[in-house]
C-alpha atoms as a PDB file:
ATOM      1  CA  MET A   1     -12.131  15.220   2.823  1.00  0.00           C
ATOM      2  CA  ASN A   2     -10.448  12.065   1.146  1.00  0.00           C
ATOM      3  CA  LEU A   3      -8.693  14.228  -1.478  1.00  0.00           C
ATOM      4  CA  PHE A   4      -7.546  16.679   1.067  1.00  0.00           C
ATOM      5  CA  LYS A   5      -6.165  13.952   3.352  1.00  0.00           C
ATOM      6  CA  THR A   6      -4.390  12.277   0.360  1.00  0.00           C
ATOM      7  CA  SER A   7      -2.847  15.535  -0.493  1.00  0.00           C
ATOM      8  CA  ILE A   8      -1.529  16.012   2.921  1.00  0.00           C
ATOM      9  CA  LEU A   9       0.485  12.738   2.863  1.00  0.00           C
ATOM     10  CA  ALA A  10       1.934  13.335  -0.476  1.00  0.00           C
ATOM     11  CA  SER A  11       2.937  16.856   0.518  1.00  0.00           C
ATOM     12  CA  CYS A  12       4.615  15.671   3.788  1.00  0.00           C
ATOM     13  CA  LEU A  13       6.450  12.878   1.811  1.00  0.00           C
ATOM     14  CA  LEU A  14       7.499  15.577  -0.763  1.00  0.00           C
ATOM     15  CA  ILE A  15       8.536  17.858   2.144  1.00  0.00           C
ATOM     16  CA  ALA A  16      10.767  15.306   3.951  1.00  0.00           C
ATOM     17  CA  SER A  17      12.379  14.222   0.627  1.00  0.00           C
ATOM     18  CA  SER A  18      13.226  17.736  -0.349  1.00  0.00           C
ATOM     19  CA  ALA A  19      14.770  18.365   3.262  1.00  0.00           C
ATOM     20  CA  MET A  20      16.994  15.240   3.018  1.00  0.00           C
ATOM     21  CA  ALA A  21      18.051  15.879  -0.597  1.00  0.00           C
ATOM     22  CA  GLN A  22      19.175  19.344   0.328  1.00  0.00           C
ATOM     23  CA  ASP A  23      21.404  18.518   3.180  1.00  0.00           C
ATOM     24  CA  GLY A  24      21.385  14.861   4.684  1.00  0.00           C
ATOM     25  CA  THR A  25      23.739  15.701   7.349  1.00  0.00           C
ATOM     26  CA  ILE A  26      21.992  15.796  10.773  1.00  0.00           C
ATOM     27  CA  TYR A  27      23.850  16.173  14.042  1.00  0.00           C
ATOM     28  CA  PRO A  28      22.797  14.930  17.448  1.00  0.00           C
ATOM     29  CA  LEU A  29      21.580  17.551  19.923  1.00  0.00           C
ATOM     30  CA  GLU A  30      20.968  17.510  23.500  1.00  0.00           C
ATOM     31  CA  THR A  31      17.538  17.828  24.554  1.00  0.00           C
ATOM     32  CA  PRO A  32      16.987  21.584  25.221  1.00  0.00           C
ATOM     33  CA  ALA A  33      15.212  22.872  28.177  1.00  0.00           C
ATOM     34  CA  GLU A  34      11.455  23.947  27.588  1.00  0.00           C
ATOM     35  CA  PRO A  35      10.702  25.691  31.042  1.00  0.00           C
ATOM     36  CA  ASN A  36       7.479  27.297  29.724  1.00  0.00           C
ATOM     37  CA  ALA A  37       6.226  24.068  28.135  1.00  0.00           C
ATOM     38  CA  ILE A  38       2.869  22.923  29.410  1.00  0.00           C
ATOM     39  CA  LEU A  39       1.647  19.143  29.138  1.00  0.00           C
ATOM     40  CA  LEU A  40      -1.595  18.787  27.074  1.00  0.00           C
ATOM     41  CA  GLY A  41      -2.198  15.388  28.598  1.00  0.00           C
ATOM     42  CA  THR A  42      -3.363  13.804  25.252  1.00  0.00           C
ATOM     43  CA  GLY A  43      -1.817  10.389  25.889  1.00  0.00           C
ATOM     44  CA  GLY A  44       1.139   8.863  23.717  1.00  0.00           C
ATOM     45  CA  VAL A  45       1.889   7.318  20.367  1.00  0.00           C
ATOM     46  CA  GLU A  46       0.862   3.603  19.365  1.00  0.00           C
ATOM     47  CA  ASN A  47       3.842   1.501  18.476  1.00  0.00           C
ATOM     48  CA  GLN A  48       6.276   4.222  19.394  1.00  0.00           C
ATOM     49  CA  PRO A  49       9.943   2.160  19.341  1.00  0.00           C
ATOM     50  CA  ALA A  50      11.908   5.311  20.660  1.00  0.00           C
ATOM     51  CA  SER A  51      11.782   8.062  22.981  1.00  0.00           C
ATOM     52  CA  GLU A  52      12.036  11.757  21.794  1.00  0.00           C
ATOM     53  CA  THR A  53      15.288  13.008  20.552  1.00  0.00           C
ATOM     54  CA  TRP A  54      16.637  16.095  19.270  1.00  0.00           C
ATOM     55  CA  PHE A  55      18.757  16.756  16.341  1.00  0.00           C
ATOM     56  CA  LYS A  56      20.301  19.672  14.463  1.00  0.00           C
ATOM     57  CA  GLN A  57      19.869  20.469  10.881  1.00  0.00           C
ATOM     58  CA  TRP A  58      20.636  23.734   8.797  1.00  0.00           C
ATOM     59  CA  GLY A  59      21.692  25.264  12.341  1.00  0.00           C
ATOM     60  CA  ASP A  60      18.159  24.931  13.771  1.00  0.00           C
ATOM     61  CA  PRO A  61      16.951  22.293  16.642  1.00  0.00           C
ATOM     62  CA  MET A  62      14.505  19.825  15.713  1.00  0.00           C
ATOM     63  CA  ALA A  63      12.612  17.173  17.365  1.00  0.00           C
ATOM     64  CA  ARG A  64      11.318  13.742  16.395  1.00  0.00           C
ATOM     65  CA  ASN A  65       9.463  10.729  18.062  1.00  0.00           C
ATOM     66  CA  ILE A  66       7.331  13.028  20.141  1.00  0.00           C
ATOM     67  CA  THR A  67       5.107  11.052  22.342  1.00  0.00           C
ATOM     68  CA  VAL A  68       4.019  13.937  24.614  1.00  0.00           C
ATOM     69  CA  ALA A  69       2.297  16.947  23.175  1.00  0.00           C
ATOM     70  CA  THR A  70       2.992  20.487  25.080  1.00  0.00           C
ATOM     71  CA  LEU A  71       2.065  24.078  24.600  1.00  0.00           C
ATOM     72  CA  THR A  72       4.412  26.737  25.005  1.00  0.00           C
ATOM     73  CA  PRO A  73       3.052  30.372  25.454  1.00  0.00           C
ATOM     74  CA  PHE A  74       4.842  33.479  24.081  1.00  0.00           C
ATOM     75  CA  LEU A  75       3.078  36.493  25.759  1.00  0.00           C
ATOM     76  CA  PRO A  76       3.406  40.050  24.721  1.00  0.00           C
ATOM     77  CA  GLU A  77       4.965  42.558  27.235  1.00  0.00           C
ATOM     78  CA  ARG A  78       2.633  44.179  29.684  1.00  0.00           C
ATOM     79  CA  GLY A  79       0.925  46.937  28.161  1.00  0.00           C
ATOM     80  CA  THR A  80       1.198  45.742  24.479  1.00  0.00           C
ATOM     81  CA  ALA A  81      -1.272  43.101  24.334  1.00  0.00           C
ATOM     82  CA  THR A  82      -3.994  43.586  21.702  1.00  0.00           C
ATOM     83  CA  GLY A  83      -5.999  40.471  22.930  1.00  0.00           C
ATOM     84  CA  ALA A  84      -5.428  38.597  19.842  1.00  0.00           C
ATOM     85  CA  ALA A  85      -3.788  35.287  19.935  1.00  0.00           C
ATOM     86  CA  VAL A  86      -2.462  32.580  17.391  1.00  0.00           C
ATOM     87  CA  LEU A  87      -1.875  28.853  17.812  1.00  0.00           C
ATOM     88  CA  VAL A  88       1.393  27.901  15.862  1.00  0.00           C
ATOM     89  CA  ALA A  89       1.881  24.607  14.386  1.00  0.00           C
ATOM     90  CA  PRO A  90       5.568  24.013  13.029  1.00  0.00           C
ATOM     91  CA  GLY A  91       6.124  21.525  10.253  1.00  0.00           C
ATOM     92  CA  GLY A  92       8.195  18.449   9.495  1.00  0.00           C
ATOM     93  CA  GLY A  93       6.342  15.883   7.610  1.00  0.00           C
ATOM     94  CA  PHE A  94       4.700  14.653  10.753  1.00  0.00           C
ATOM     95  CA  ARG A  95       7.982  12.925  11.513  1.00  0.00           C
ATOM     96  CA  TRP A  96       9.962  15.715  13.022  1.00  0.00           C
ATOM     97  CA  LEU A  97       9.083  19.382  14.143  1.00  0.00           C
ATOM     98  CA  SER A  98      11.318  22.441  13.026  1.00  0.00           C
ATOM     99  CA  LEU A  99      10.590  24.066  16.222  1.00  0.00           C
ATOM    100  CA  LYS A 100      12.698  27.051  16.199  1.00  0.00           C
ATOM    101  CA  ASN A 101      12.484  28.111  12.415  1.00  0.00           C
ATOM    102  CA  GLU A 102       8.692  27.365  12.229  1.00  0.00           C
ATOM    103  CA  GLY A 103       7.715  27.715  16.072  1.00  0.00           C
ATOM    104  CA  TRP A 104       9.689  29.658  18.590  1.00  0.00           C
ATOM    105  CA  GLU A 105      10.923  32.480  16.210  1.00  0.00           C
ATOM    106  CA  VAL A 106       7.444  32.827  14.587  1.00  0.00           C
ATOM    107  CA  ALA A 107       5.932  33.099  18.233  1.00  0.00           C
ATOM    108  CA  GLU A 108       8.495  35.602  19.511  1.00  0.00           C
ATOM    109  CA  ALA A 109       7.600  37.799  16.380  1.00  0.00           C
ATOM    110  CA  LEU A 110       4.021  37.757  17.182  1.00  0.00           C
ATOM    111  CA  ALA A 111       4.422  38.516  20.536  1.00  0.00           C
ATOM    112  CA  LYS A 112       6.535  41.616  19.676  1.00  0.00           C
ATOM    113  CA  GLN A 113       3.160  42.745  17.747  1.00  0.00           C
ATOM    114  CA  GLY A 114       1.191  42.349  20.755  1.00  0.00           C
ATOM    115  CA  ILE A 115      -0.175  39.120  19.900  1.00  0.00           C
ATOM    116  CA  ALA A 116      -0.408  36.112  22.362  1.00  0.00           C
ATOM    117  CA  ALA A 117       1.492  33.183  20.557  1.00  0.00           C
ATOM    118  CA  PHE A 118       1.325  29.544  21.566  1.00  0.00           C
ATOM    119  CA  VAL A 119       3.444  26.931  19.875  1.00  0.00           C
ATOM    120  CA  LEU A 120       2.090  23.424  19.567  1.00  0.00           C
ATOM    121  CA  LYS A 121       4.394  20.626  20.075  1.00  0.00           C
ATOM    122  CA  TYR A 122       2.180  17.902  18.626  1.00  0.00           C
ATOM    123  CA  ARG A 123       2.771  14.001  18.678  1.00  0.00           C
ATOM    124  CA  LEU A 124       4.386  12.612  15.606  1.00  0.00           C
ATOM    125  CA  ARG A 125       4.543   9.336  13.871  1.00  0.00           C
ATOM    126  CA  PRO A 126       7.344   6.972  14.956  1.00  0.00           C
ATOM    127  CA  THR A 127      11.049   7.017  13.519  1.00  0.00           C
ATOM    128  CA  PRO A 128      14.003   4.847  14.433  1.00  0.00           C
ATOM    129  CA  GLU A 129      15.981   5.738  17.278  1.00  0.00           C
ATOM    130  CA  SER A 130      19.256   6.100  15.805  1.00  0.00           C
ATOM    131  CA  LEU A 131      19.880   9.029  13.548  1.00  0.00           C
ATOM    132  CA  ASP A 132      21.311   6.730  10.806  1.00  0.00           C
ATOM    133  CA  GLY A 133      18.293   4.597  11.010  1.00  0.00           C
ATOM    134  CA  PHE A 134      16.204   7.675  10.837  1.00  0.00           C
ATOM    135  CA  LYS A 135      17.721   8.861   7.736  1.00  0.00           C
ATOM    136  CA  GLU A 136      17.621   5.393   6.093  1.00  0.00           C
ATOM    137  CA  SER A 137      13.883   5.087   6.934  1.00  0.00           C
ATOM    138  CA  MET A 138      13.248   8.390   5.399  1.00  0.00           C
ATOM    139  CA  ASN A 139      15.186   7.641   2.103  1.00  0.00           C
ATOM    140  CA  GLN A 140      13.257   4.249   1.865  1.00  0.00           C
ATOM    141  CA  THR A 141      10.036   5.699   2.465  1.00  0.00           C
ATOM    142  CA  LEU A 142      10.374   8.709   0.309  1.00  0.00           C
ATOM    143  CA  THR A 143      11.886   6.960  -2.544  1.00  0.00           C
ATOM    144  CA  PRO A 144       9.139   4.815  -3.966  1.00  0.00           C
ATOM    145  CA  PRO A 145       9.744   2.232  -6.731  1.00  0.00           C
ATOM    146  CA  PRO A 146       9.612   3.583 -10.455  1.00  0.00           C
ATOM    147  CA  THR A 147       6.591   3.408 -12.124  1.00  0.00           C
ATOM    148  CA  PRO A 148       6.290   1.498 -15.457  1.00  0.00           C
ATOM    149  CA  GLN A 149       6.025   3.942 -18.439  1.00  0.00           C
ATOM    150  CA  GLY A 150       2.505   4.401 -19.262  1.00  0.00           C
ATOM    151  CA  GLU A 151       1.097   3.561 -16.164  1.00  0.00           C
ATOM    152  CA  THR A 152      -0.313   5.745 -13.378  1.00  0.00           C
ATOM    153  CA  ALA A 153       1.491   5.803 -10.118  1.00  0.00           C
ATOM    154  CA  PRO A 154      -0.570   4.598  -7.191  1.00  0.00           C
ATOM    155  CA  ARG A 155      -2.276   7.248  -4.955  1.00  0.00           C
ATOM    156  CA  PRO A 156      -0.607   7.608  -1.476  1.00  0.00           C
ATOM    157  CA  ALA A 157      -2.329   6.034   1.345  1.00  0.00           C
ATOM    158  CA  GLN A 158      -4.349   8.485   3.659  1.00  0.00           C
ATOM    159  CA  LEU A 159      -2.548   9.794   6.797  1.00  0.00           C
ATOM    160  CA  ASP A 160      -4.339   9.405   9.908  1.00  0.00           C
ATOM    161  CA  LEU A 161      -4.162  12.698  11.815  1.00  0.00           C
ATOM    162  CA  SER A 162      -6.370  11.722  14.818  1.00  0.00           C
ATOM    163  CA  ASP A 163      -3.336  12.305  17.297  1.00  0.00           C
ATOM    164  CA  GLN A 164      -2.413  15.529  15.801  1.00  0.00           C
ATOM    165  CA  LEU A 165      -6.151  16.849  15.781  1.00  0.00           C
ATOM    166  CA  GLU A 166      -6.442  15.717  19.490  1.00  0.00           C
ATOM    167  CA  ASP A 167      -3.553  17.834  20.443  1.00  0.00           C
ATOM    168  CA  ALA A 168      -4.632  20.978  18.530  1.00  0.00           C
ATOM    169  CA  GLU A 169      -7.952  20.605  19.968  1.00  0.00           C
ATOM    170  CA  ALA A 170      -6.555  20.192  23.593  1.00  0.00           C
ATOM    171  CA  ALA A 171      -4.328  23.306  22.938  1.00  0.00           C
ATOM    172  CA  TYR A 172      -7.288  25.302  21.535  1.00  0.00           C
ATOM    173  CA  ALA A 173      -9.258  24.313  24.711  1.00  0.00           C
ATOM    174  CA  MET A 174      -6.412  25.261  27.231  1.00  0.00           C
ATOM    175  CA  ILE A 175      -6.118  28.647  25.590  1.00  0.00           C
ATOM    176  CA  LEU A 176      -9.662  29.260  25.911  1.00  0.00           C
ATOM    177  CA  ASP A 177     -10.001  27.958  29.608  1.00  0.00           C
ATOM    178  CA  ARG A 178      -6.689  30.409  30.331  1.00  0.00           C
ATOM    179  CA  ALA A 179      -7.893  33.143  28.272  1.00  0.00           C
ATOM    180  CA  GLU A 180      -8.241  35.652  30.933  1.00  0.00           C
ATOM    181  CA  GLU A 181      -4.922  34.804  32.696  1.00  0.00           C
ATOM    182  CA  TRP A 182      -3.216  35.082  29.386  1.00  0.00           C
ATOM    183  CA  GLY A 183      -4.979  38.251  28.160  1.00  0.00           C
ATOM    184  CA  VAL A 184      -6.609  36.540  25.072  1.00  0.00           C
ATOM    185  CA  ASP A 185      -9.890  37.387  23.473  1.00  0.00           C
ATOM    186  CA  PRO A 186     -11.558  34.118  22.771  1.00  0.00           C
ATOM    187  CA  LYS A 187     -13.250  35.562  19.483  1.00  0.00           C
ATOM    188  CA  ARG A 188      -9.652  36.575  18.223  1.00  0.00           C
ATOM    189  CA  LEU A 189      -7.942  33.355  18.370  1.00  0.00           C
ATOM    190  CA  GLY A 190      -6.541  31.783  15.226  1.00  0.00           C
ATOM    191  CA  MET A 191      -4.140  29.147  13.914  1.00  0.00           C
ATOM    192  CA  ILE A 192      -1.254  29.451  11.490  1.00  0.00           C
ATOM    193  CA  GLY A 193       0.856  26.433  10.547  1.00  0.00           C
ATOM    194  CA  PHE A 194       4.054  25.716   8.189  1.00  0.00           C
ATOM    195  CA  SER A 195       4.159  23.017   5.777  1.00  0.00           C
ATOM    196  CA  ALA A 196       2.784  19.793   7.637  1.00  0.00           C
ATOM    197  CA  GLY A 197       1.746  22.356  10.309  1.00  0.00           C
ATOM    198  CA  ALA A 198      -0.257  24.114   7.671  1.00  0.00           C
ATOM    199  CA  GLY A 199      -1.753  20.676   6.833  1.00  0.00           C
ATOM    200  CA  LEU A 200      -2.832  20.411  10.349  1.00  0.00           C
ATOM    201  CA  THR A 201      -4.257  23.809  10.506  1.00  0.00           C
ATOM    202  CA  MET A 202      -6.365  22.949   7.347  1.00  0.00           C
ATOM    203  CA  HIS A 203      -7.318  19.543   8.979  1.00  0.00           C
ATOM    204  CA  SER A 204      -8.338  21.325  12.104  1.00  0.00           C
ATOM    205  CA  THR A 205     -10.453  23.818  10.300  1.00  0.00           C
ATOM    206  CA  LEU A 206     -12.292  21.237   8.115  1.00  0.00           C
ATOM    207  CA  ASN A 207     -12.683  18.335  10.599  1.00  0.00           C
ATOM    208  CA  SER A 208     -12.745  19.779  14.305  1.00  0.00           C
ATOM    209  CA  LYS A 209     -16.023  19.774  16.123  1.00  0.00           C
ATOM    210  CA  THR A 210     -14.611  22.081  18.967  1.00  0.00           C
ATOM    211  CA  MET A 211     -12.263  24.553  17.470  1.00  0.00           C
ATOM    212  CA  LYS A 212     -14.005  27.533  16.266  1.00  0.00           C
ATOM    213  CA  LEU A 213     -10.995  29.450  14.859  1.00  0.00           C
ATOM    214  CA  ALA A 214     -11.316  33.229  14.019  1.00  0.00           C
ATOM    215  CA  PHE A 215      -8.761  33.012  11.277  1.00  0.00           C
ATOM    216  CA  ILE A 216      -6.244  30.602   9.794  1.00  0.00           C
ATOM    217  CA  GLY A 217      -2.826  30.940   8.027  1.00  0.00           C
ATOM    218  CA  PRO A 218      -1.619  27.973   6.197  1.00  0.00           C
ATOM    219  CA  ILE A 219       1.961  28.898   5.018  1.00  0.00           C
ATOM    220  CA  TYR A 220       3.471  27.035   2.310  1.00  0.00           C
ATOM    221  CA  GLY A 221       1.105  23.932   2.771  1.00  0.00           C
ATOM    222  CA  GLY A 222      -0.652  21.758   0.193  1.00  0.00           C
ATOM    223  CA  MET A 223      -2.928  23.897  -2.356  1.00  0.00           C
ATOM    224  CA  GLY A 224      -5.406  21.104  -3.524  1.00  0.00           C
ATOM    225  CA  PRO A 225      -9.007  21.764  -3.240  1.00  0.00           C
ATOM    226  CA  VAL A 226     -11.069  21.238  -0.177  1.00  0.00           C
ATOM    227  CA  GLU A 227     -14.738  21.002   0.970  1.00  0.00           C
ATOM    228  CA  VAL A 228     -15.071  24.378   2.866  1.00  0.00           C
ATOM    229  CA  PRO A 229     -17.416  24.368   5.846  1.00  0.00           C
ATOM    230  CA  LYS A 230     -20.095  27.212   5.800  1.00  0.00           C
ATOM    231  CA  ASP A 231     -18.684  28.681   8.955  1.00  0.00           C
ATOM    232  CA  ALA A 232     -14.937  28.561   7.836  1.00  0.00           C
ATOM    233  CA  PRO A 233     -12.837  31.250   9.115  1.00  0.00           C
ATOM    234  CA  PRO A 234     -11.013  33.869   6.883  1.00  0.00           C
ATOM    235  CA  MET A 235      -7.781  32.479   5.461  1.00  0.00           C
ATOM    236  CA  PHE A 236      -4.416  34.180   4.809  1.00  0.00           C
ATOM    237  CA  ASN A 237      -2.305  31.780   2.502  1.00  0.00           C
ATOM    238  CA  VAL A 238       1.342  32.127   1.421  1.00  0.00           C
ATOM    239  CA  ILE A 239       3.526  29.973  -0.837  1.00  0.00           C
ATOM    240  CA  ALA A 240       6.435  30.565  -3.358  1.00  0.00           C
ATOM    241  CA  THR A 241       6.360  29.701  -6.952  1.00  0.00           C
ATOM    242  CA  ASP A 242       9.808  27.699  -6.323  1.00  0.00           C
ATOM    243  CA  ASP A 243       8.042  25.764  -3.716  1.00  0.00           C
ATOM    244  CA  PHE A 244       7.675  22.079  -4.801  1.00  0.00           C
ATOM    245  CA  LEU A 245       4.171  22.132  -3.270  1.00  0.00           C
ATOM    246  CA  PHE A 246       2.780  24.813  -5.560  1.00  0.00           C
ATOM    247  CA  ARG A 247       2.979  23.092  -8.641  1.00  0.00           C
ATOM    248  CA  GLY A 248       0.882  25.902 -10.318  1.00  0.00           C
ATOM    249  CA  GLN A 249      -2.274  24.950  -8.143  1.00  0.00           C
ATOM    250  CA  PHE A 250      -4.610  27.503  -6.759  1.00  0.00           C
ATOM    251  CA  GLY A 251      -7.248  24.840  -5.547  1.00  0.00           C
ATOM    252  CA  VAL A 252      -7.510  25.711  -1.854  1.00  0.00           C
ATOM    253  CA  ILE A 253      -7.742  29.504  -2.766  1.00  0.00           C
ATOM    254  CA  ASP A 254     -10.534  28.748  -5.228  1.00  0.00           C
ATOM    255  CA  SER A 255     -12.372  26.712  -2.850  1.00  0.00           C
ATOM    256  CA  TRP A 256     -12.272  29.542  -0.286  1.00  0.00           C
ATOM    257  CA  TYR A 257     -13.470  32.102  -2.892  1.00  0.00           C
ATOM    258  CA  LYS A 258     -16.235  30.006  -4.347  1.00  0.00           C
ATOM    259  CA  ALA A 259     -17.441  29.487  -0.597  1.00  0.00           C
ATOM    260  CA  GLY A 260     -17.627  33.383  -0.259  1.00  0.00           C
ATOM    261  CA  ILE A 261     -15.235  33.535   2.765  1.00  0.00           C
ATOM    262  CA  PRO A 262     -12.715  36.115   2.902  1.00  0.00           C
ATOM    263  CA  VAL A 263      -9.333  34.933   1.452  1.00  0.00           C
ATOM    264  CA  GLU A 264      -5.856  36.536   0.936  1.00  0.00           C
ATOM    265  CA  PHE A 265      -3.276  34.745  -1.241  1.00  0.00           C
ATOM    266  CA  HIS A 266       0.260  35.687  -1.577  1.00  0.00           C
ATOM    267  CA  LEU A 267       2.160  33.938  -4.323  1.00  0.00           C
ATOM    268  CA  TYR A 268       5.948  35.060  -4.170  1.00  0.00           C
ATOM    269  CA  GLN A 269       8.394  34.765  -6.719  1.00  0.00           C
ATOM    270  CA  ASN A 270      10.909  32.827  -4.731  1.00  0.00           C
ATOM    271  CA  GLY A 271      11.483  31.538  -1.271  1.00  0.00           C
ATOM    272  CA  GLY A 272      11.495  27.817  -1.867  1.00  0.00           C
ATOM    273  CA  HIS A 273       9.895  25.649   0.980  1.00  0.00           C
ATOM    274  CA  GLY A 274      10.477  25.962   4.672  1.00  0.00           C
ATOM    275  CA  PHE A 275      11.673  29.488   4.916  1.00  0.00           C
ATOM    276  CA  GLY A 276      10.036  30.479   8.098  1.00  0.00           C
ATOM    277  CA  LEU A 277      10.164  34.114   8.709  1.00  0.00           C
ATOM    278  CA  GLY A 278      12.450  34.157   5.742  1.00  0.00           C
ATOM    279  CA  ASN A 279      15.589  33.693   4.086  1.00  0.00           C
ATOM    280  CA  PRO A 280      18.151  36.267   2.776  1.00  0.00           C
ATOM    281  CA  ASP A 281      17.218  38.096  -0.649  1.00  0.00           C
ATOM    282  CA  ARG A 282      13.850  36.239  -1.266  1.00  0.00           C
ATOM    283  CA  THR A 283      10.761  38.058  -2.002  1.00  0.00           C
ATOM    284  CA  SER A 284       8.707  35.780   0.222  1.00  0.00           C
ATOM    285  CA  ASN A 285      10.438  37.613   3.276  1.00  0.00           C
ATOM    286  CA  ARG A 286       7.572  40.056   3.608  1.00  0.00           C
ATOM    287  CA  TRP A 287       4.937  37.667   4.253  1.00  0.00           C
ATOM    288  CA  PHE A 288       5.014  38.228   7.943  1.00  0.00           C
ATOM    289  CA  ASP A 289       4.622  41.926   7.637  1.00  0.00           C
ATOM    290  CA  ALA A 290       1.344  41.192   5.373  1.00  0.00           C
ATOM    291  CA  PHE A 291       0.204  38.949   7.596  1.00  0.00           C
ATOM    292  CA  ILE A 292       0.245  41.644  10.345  1.00  0.00           C
ATOM    293  CA  HIS A 293      -1.268  44.203   8.216  1.00  0.00           C
ATOM    294  CA  TRP A 294      -4.088  41.562   7.177  1.00  0.00           C
ATOM    295  CA  LEU A 295      -5.004  41.003  10.875  1.00  0.00           C
ATOM    296  CA  ASP A 296      -5.187  44.827  11.411  1.00  0.00           C
ATOM    297  CA  VAL A 297      -7.200  45.602   8.371  1.00  0.00           C
ATOM    298  CA  ASN A 298      -9.670  42.794   9.518  1.00  0.00           C
ATOM    299  CA  ASP A 299      -9.897  44.279  12.946  1.00  0.00           C
ATOM    300  CA  PHE A 300      -8.371  41.252  14.708  1.00  0.00           C
ATOM    301  CA  LEU A 301      -5.815  43.515  16.471  1.00  0.00           C
ATOM    302  CA  ALA A 302      -8.204  46.100  17.553  1.00  0.00           C
ATOM    303  CA  ALA A 303      -8.383  45.967  21.337  1.00  0.00           C
ATOM    304  CA  LYS A 304     -11.756  45.233  22.587  1.00  0.00           C
END
């Protein structure tokens, strides 16, 4: 799994670098109420210098320095539930979470389709307390020294995702434990993630000893090849050609295909990175409809 772990770190650094390049302006935001968030009880973060804080960028609320993991349910209206459920992992390079664009909005859209959705607010790597310090630290981290001509750039260090995997496993266990209360069929519980959240989705699939996901949906995540477990779930994968994570790679798709496990792949002409449910006038805006159709065709939405 070393190749995959290395690709996760490289992808996360590129994600954050691109984000800062597009708009370095971030605004402080008062911590919003999360009345339905449920504590997962997975502990804190080692060597964390600051408390959880929120900021706004591109009009969306985002959180960083998360030390307490939570799970927020978004349940379908009575009489519309299919029994299917999805654990949703937002992205942000494991340094912040885009909780609205890649979490709450996605979960609300799933609930409208009769799918119980659960947003995972997982623990993050520490960042400086001040916004200026945060931005400066990201720029320093994401701007490596130039590589002399003719030499190969050093490979990034492996990223430890043990905290994040523990959070995902705790969320999965909680959903199973409360499945009857929440109207969830344990055999139709899957996971989707965006960017770094896609990396966590894949990491959970490849490494968890307790999660038996029915399906997965890595959305604009790393595309490098992986070692696919024999019992890996069907995969729905989305990325755009103008996403810096694509780079003409089809490794993870090829890995699933060669393992003989169902895989659906949507390569869109445009959309960039971090588009969530979609941005104006992009071909990638139809991915969510395709995902619901994929779930339906594969009988994940059939009430049982």
